[in-house]
Amino acid sequence: MSNPTRSAREIIDALTEDGWEDVVVFGDVIGLARKLSALNPDLVLIDLANPSRDALEQISVASDAQSRPVAMFVDHSDDEMTQAAVAAGLSAYVVGALQPERIAPVALRAV
């Protein structure tokens, strides 16, 4: 994320303190595979209010090509989108805001 929000910066800092060396947070998935290839992070967090099928397709392509945990945080979801997220290869799909205290348990489960 080129200009991380305050919340994203706090999350990155907390994960770094917990031993993750290279964490990125994306607020969109446009060009995700290209971004991941260039950045090659240890852990990827995606913060989207409402994921779309296109977003999940981008994540699926990126996840299949890379061997790293990818967790998505969304504000709202339904059964169909949850199933699509699992099919896309996400390590974790969390409904609720991206908050620092929720990240460490999700990151540990994602590996």
C-alpha atoms as a PDB file:
ATOM      1  CA  MET A   1       0.000   0.000   0.000  1.00  0.00           C
ATOM      2  CA  SER A   2       1.742   3.182  -1.086  1.00  0.00           C
ATOM      3  CA  ASN A   3       0.115   5.480   1.497  1.00  0.00           C
ATOM      4  CA  PRO A   4      -1.158   3.210   4.271  1.00  0.00           C
ATOM      5  CA  THR A   5      -3.932   4.492   6.494  1.00  0.00           C
ATOM      6  CA  ARG A   6      -3.176   5.020  10.156  1.00  0.00           C
ATOM      7  CA  SER A   7      -4.929   1.742  10.978  1.00  0.00           C
ATOM      8  CA  ALA A   8      -2.975  -0.150   8.308  1.00  0.00           C
ATOM      9  CA  ARG A   9       0.288   1.372   9.518  1.00  0.00           C
ATOM     10  CA  GLU A  10      -0.487   0.257  13.103  1.00  0.00           C
ATOM     11  CA  ILE A  11      -1.222  -3.243  11.851  1.00  0.00           C
ATOM     12  CA  ILE A  12       1.984  -3.430   9.847  1.00  0.00           C
ATOM     13  CA  ASP A  13       3.954  -2.177  12.863  1.00  0.00           C
ATOM     14  CA  ALA A  14       2.303  -4.709  15.205  1.00  0.00           C
ATOM     15  CA  LEU A  15       2.960  -7.614  12.852  1.00  0.00           C
ATOM     16  CA  THR A  16       6.541  -6.508  12.348  1.00  0.00           C
ATOM     17  CA  GLU A  17       6.999  -6.500  16.122  1.00  0.00           C
ATOM     18  CA  ASP A  18       5.578 -10.055  16.189  1.00  0.00           C
ATOM     19  CA  GLY A  19       8.267 -11.240  13.777  1.00  0.00           C
ATOM     20  CA  TRP A  20       6.724 -10.777  10.339  1.00  0.00           C
ATOM     21  CA  GLU A  21       9.445  -9.198   8.248  1.00  0.00           C
ATOM     22  CA  ASP A  22       7.553  -7.929   5.240  1.00  0.00           C
ATOM     23  CA  VAL A  23       3.806  -7.222   5.403  1.00  0.00           C
ATOM     24  CA  VAL A  24       1.701  -5.310   2.903  1.00  0.00           C
ATOM     25  CA  VAL A  25      -1.895  -4.126   3.146  1.00  0.00           C
ATOM     26  CA  PHE A  26      -3.856  -3.502  -0.044  1.00  0.00           C
ATOM     27  CA  GLY A  27      -7.053  -1.469  -0.208  1.00  0.00           C
ATOM     28  CA  ASP A  28      -7.771  -2.708  -3.741  1.00  0.00           C
ATOM     29  CA  VAL A  29      -6.781  -5.687  -5.836  1.00  0.00           C
ATOM     30  CA  ILE A  30      -6.249  -4.082  -9.211  1.00  0.00           C
ATOM     31  CA  GLY A  31      -3.001  -5.499 -10.545  1.00  0.00           C
ATOM     32  CA  LEU A  32      -2.504  -7.590  -7.401  1.00  0.00           C
ATOM     33  CA  ALA A  33      -0.421 -10.314  -9.060  1.00  0.00           C
ATOM     34  CA  ARG A  34       1.926  -7.696 -10.517  1.00  0.00           C
ATOM     35  CA  LYS A  35       2.189  -5.885  -7.168  1.00  0.00           C
ATOM     36  CA  LEU A  36       2.908  -9.109  -5.295  1.00  0.00           C
ATOM     37  CA  SER A  37       5.540 -10.094  -7.808  1.00  0.00           C
ATOM     38  CA  ALA A  38       7.282  -6.744  -7.407  1.00  0.00           C
ATOM     39  CA  LEU A  39       6.998  -6.537  -3.604  1.00  0.00           C
ATOM     40  CA  ASN A  40       7.243 -10.249  -2.676  1.00  0.00           C
ATOM     41  CA  PRO A  41       5.898  -9.782   0.887  1.00  0.00           C
ATOM     42  CA  ASP A  42       5.758 -12.476   3.595  1.00  0.00           C
ATOM     43  CA  LEU A  43       2.113 -11.738   4.410  1.00  0.00           C
ATOM     44  CA  VAL A  44      -0.649 -10.017   2.450  1.00  0.00           C
ATOM     45  CA  LEU A  45      -3.665  -8.349   4.053  1.00  0.00           C
ATOM     46  CA  ILE A  46      -6.482  -7.105   1.843  1.00  0.00           C
ATOM     47  CA  ASP A  47      -8.927  -4.584   3.270  1.00  0.00           C
ATOM     48  CA  LEU A  48     -12.073  -4.271   1.137  1.00  0.00           C
ATOM     49  CA  ALA A  49     -15.499  -3.029   2.181  1.00  0.00           C
ATOM     50  CA  ASN A  50     -17.399  -5.270  -0.228  1.00  0.00           C
ATOM     51  CA  PRO A  51     -15.431  -7.724  -2.360  1.00  0.00           C
ATOM     52  CA  SER A  52     -16.567  -8.413  -5.890  1.00  0.00           C
ATOM     53  CA  ARG A  53     -16.184 -11.477  -8.066  1.00  0.00           C
ATOM     54  CA  ASP A  54     -13.471  -9.612  -9.977  1.00  0.00           C
ATOM     55  CA  ALA A  55     -11.604  -8.944  -6.728  1.00  0.00           C
ATOM     56  CA  LEU A  56     -11.765 -12.608  -5.772  1.00  0.00           C
ATOM     57  CA  GLU A  57     -10.557 -13.590  -9.238  1.00  0.00           C
ATOM     58  CA  GLN A  58      -7.557 -11.262  -8.869  1.00  0.00           C
ATOM     59  CA  ILE A  59      -6.804 -12.800  -5.473  1.00  0.00           C
ATOM     60  CA  SER A  60      -7.162 -16.326  -6.843  1.00  0.00           C
ATOM     61  CA  VAL A  61      -4.654 -15.618  -9.596  1.00  0.00           C
ATOM     62  CA  ALA A  62      -2.233 -14.012  -7.156  1.00  0.00           C
ATOM     63  CA  SER A  63      -2.657 -16.734  -4.495  1.00  0.00           C
ATOM     64  CA  ASP A  64      -2.064 -19.591  -6.919  1.00  0.00           C
ATOM     65  CA  ALA A  65       1.130 -17.978  -8.123  1.00  0.00           C
ATOM     66  CA  GLN A  66       2.542 -17.140  -4.695  1.00  0.00           C
ATOM     67  CA  SER A  67       3.229 -19.188  -1.560  1.00  0.00           C
ATOM     68  CA  ARG A  68       2.333 -16.775   1.229  1.00  0.00           C
ATOM     69  CA  PRO A  69      -0.638 -16.212   3.520  1.00  0.00           C
ATOM     70  CA  VAL A  70      -3.316 -13.926   2.095  1.00  0.00           C
ATOM     71  CA  ALA A  71      -6.019 -12.689   4.477  1.00  0.00           C
ATOM     72  CA  MET A  72      -8.962 -10.580   3.379  1.00  0.00           C
ATOM     73  CA  PHE A  73     -10.936  -8.325   5.685  1.00  0.00           C
ATOM     74  CA  VAL A  74     -14.375  -7.258   4.487  1.00  0.00           C
ATOM     75  CA  ASP A  75     -17.128  -5.169   6.041  1.00  0.00           C
ATOM     76  CA  HIS A  76     -20.008  -7.343   4.789  1.00  0.00           C
ATOM     77  CA  SER A  77     -20.384 -10.765   3.261  1.00  0.00           C
ATOM     78  CA  ASP A  78     -22.893 -13.453   2.382  1.00  0.00           C
ATOM     79  CA  ASP A  79     -22.640 -17.218   2.022  1.00  0.00           C
ATOM     80  CA  GLU A  80     -21.960 -17.055  -1.717  1.00  0.00           C
ATOM     81  CA  MET A  81     -19.085 -14.573  -1.352  1.00  0.00           C
ATOM     82  CA  THR A  82     -17.628 -16.515   1.593  1.00  0.00           C
ATOM     83  CA  GLN A  83     -17.607 -19.705  -0.477  1.00  0.00           C
ATOM     84  CA  ALA A  84     -16.074 -17.831  -3.422  1.00  0.00           C
ATOM     85  CA  ALA A  85     -13.350 -16.456  -1.134  1.00  0.00           C
ATOM     86  CA  VAL A  86     -12.474 -19.941   0.080  1.00  0.00           C
ATOM     87  CA  ALA A  87     -12.431 -21.175  -3.529  1.00  0.00           C
ATOM     88  CA  ALA A  88     -10.107 -18.277  -4.426  1.00  0.00           C
ATOM     89  CA  GLY A  89      -7.495 -19.715  -2.079  1.00  0.00           C
ATOM     90  CA  LEU A  90      -7.558 -17.150   0.702  1.00  0.00           C
ATOM     91  CA  SER A  91      -5.802 -18.184   3.894  1.00  0.00           C
ATOM     92  CA  ALA A  92      -8.357 -16.252   5.954  1.00  0.00           C
ATOM     93  CA  TYR A  93     -11.591 -14.402   5.176  1.00  0.00           C
ATOM     94  CA  VAL A  94     -12.618 -12.149   8.046  1.00  0.00           C
ATOM     95  CA  VAL A  95     -15.870 -10.204   8.167  1.00  0.00           C
ATOM     96  CA  GLY A  96     -15.332  -6.990  10.103  1.00  0.00           C
ATOM     97  CA  ALA A  97     -13.018  -4.024  10.061  1.00  0.00           C
ATOM     98  CA  LEU A  98      -9.259  -4.376   9.744  1.00  0.00           C
ATOM     99  CA  GLN A  99      -8.192  -3.806  13.355  1.00  0.00           C
ATOM    100  CA  PRO A 100      -4.752  -4.327  14.921  1.00  0.00           C
ATOM    101  CA  GLU A 101      -5.978  -6.593  17.733  1.00  0.00           C
ATOM    102  CA  ARG A 102      -7.606  -8.963  15.212  1.00  0.00           C
ATOM    103  CA  ILE A 103      -4.588  -9.354  12.952  1.00  0.00           C
ATOM    104  CA  ALA A 104      -2.122 -11.469  14.942  1.00  0.00           C
ATOM    105  CA  PRO A 105      -4.530 -14.415  15.499  1.00  0.00           C
ATOM    106  CA  VAL A 106      -5.610 -14.324  11.862  1.00  0.00           C
ATOM    107  CA  ALA A 107      -2.012 -14.129  10.618  1.00  0.00           C
ATOM    108  CA  LEU A 108      -1.009 -17.100  12.756  1.00  0.00           C
ATOM    109  CA  ARG A 109      -3.982 -19.144  11.495  1.00  0.00           C
ATOM    110  CA  ALA A 110      -3.185 -18.192   7.919  1.00  0.00           C
ATOM    111  CA  VAL A 111       0.246 -19.842   7.867  1.00  0.00           C
END
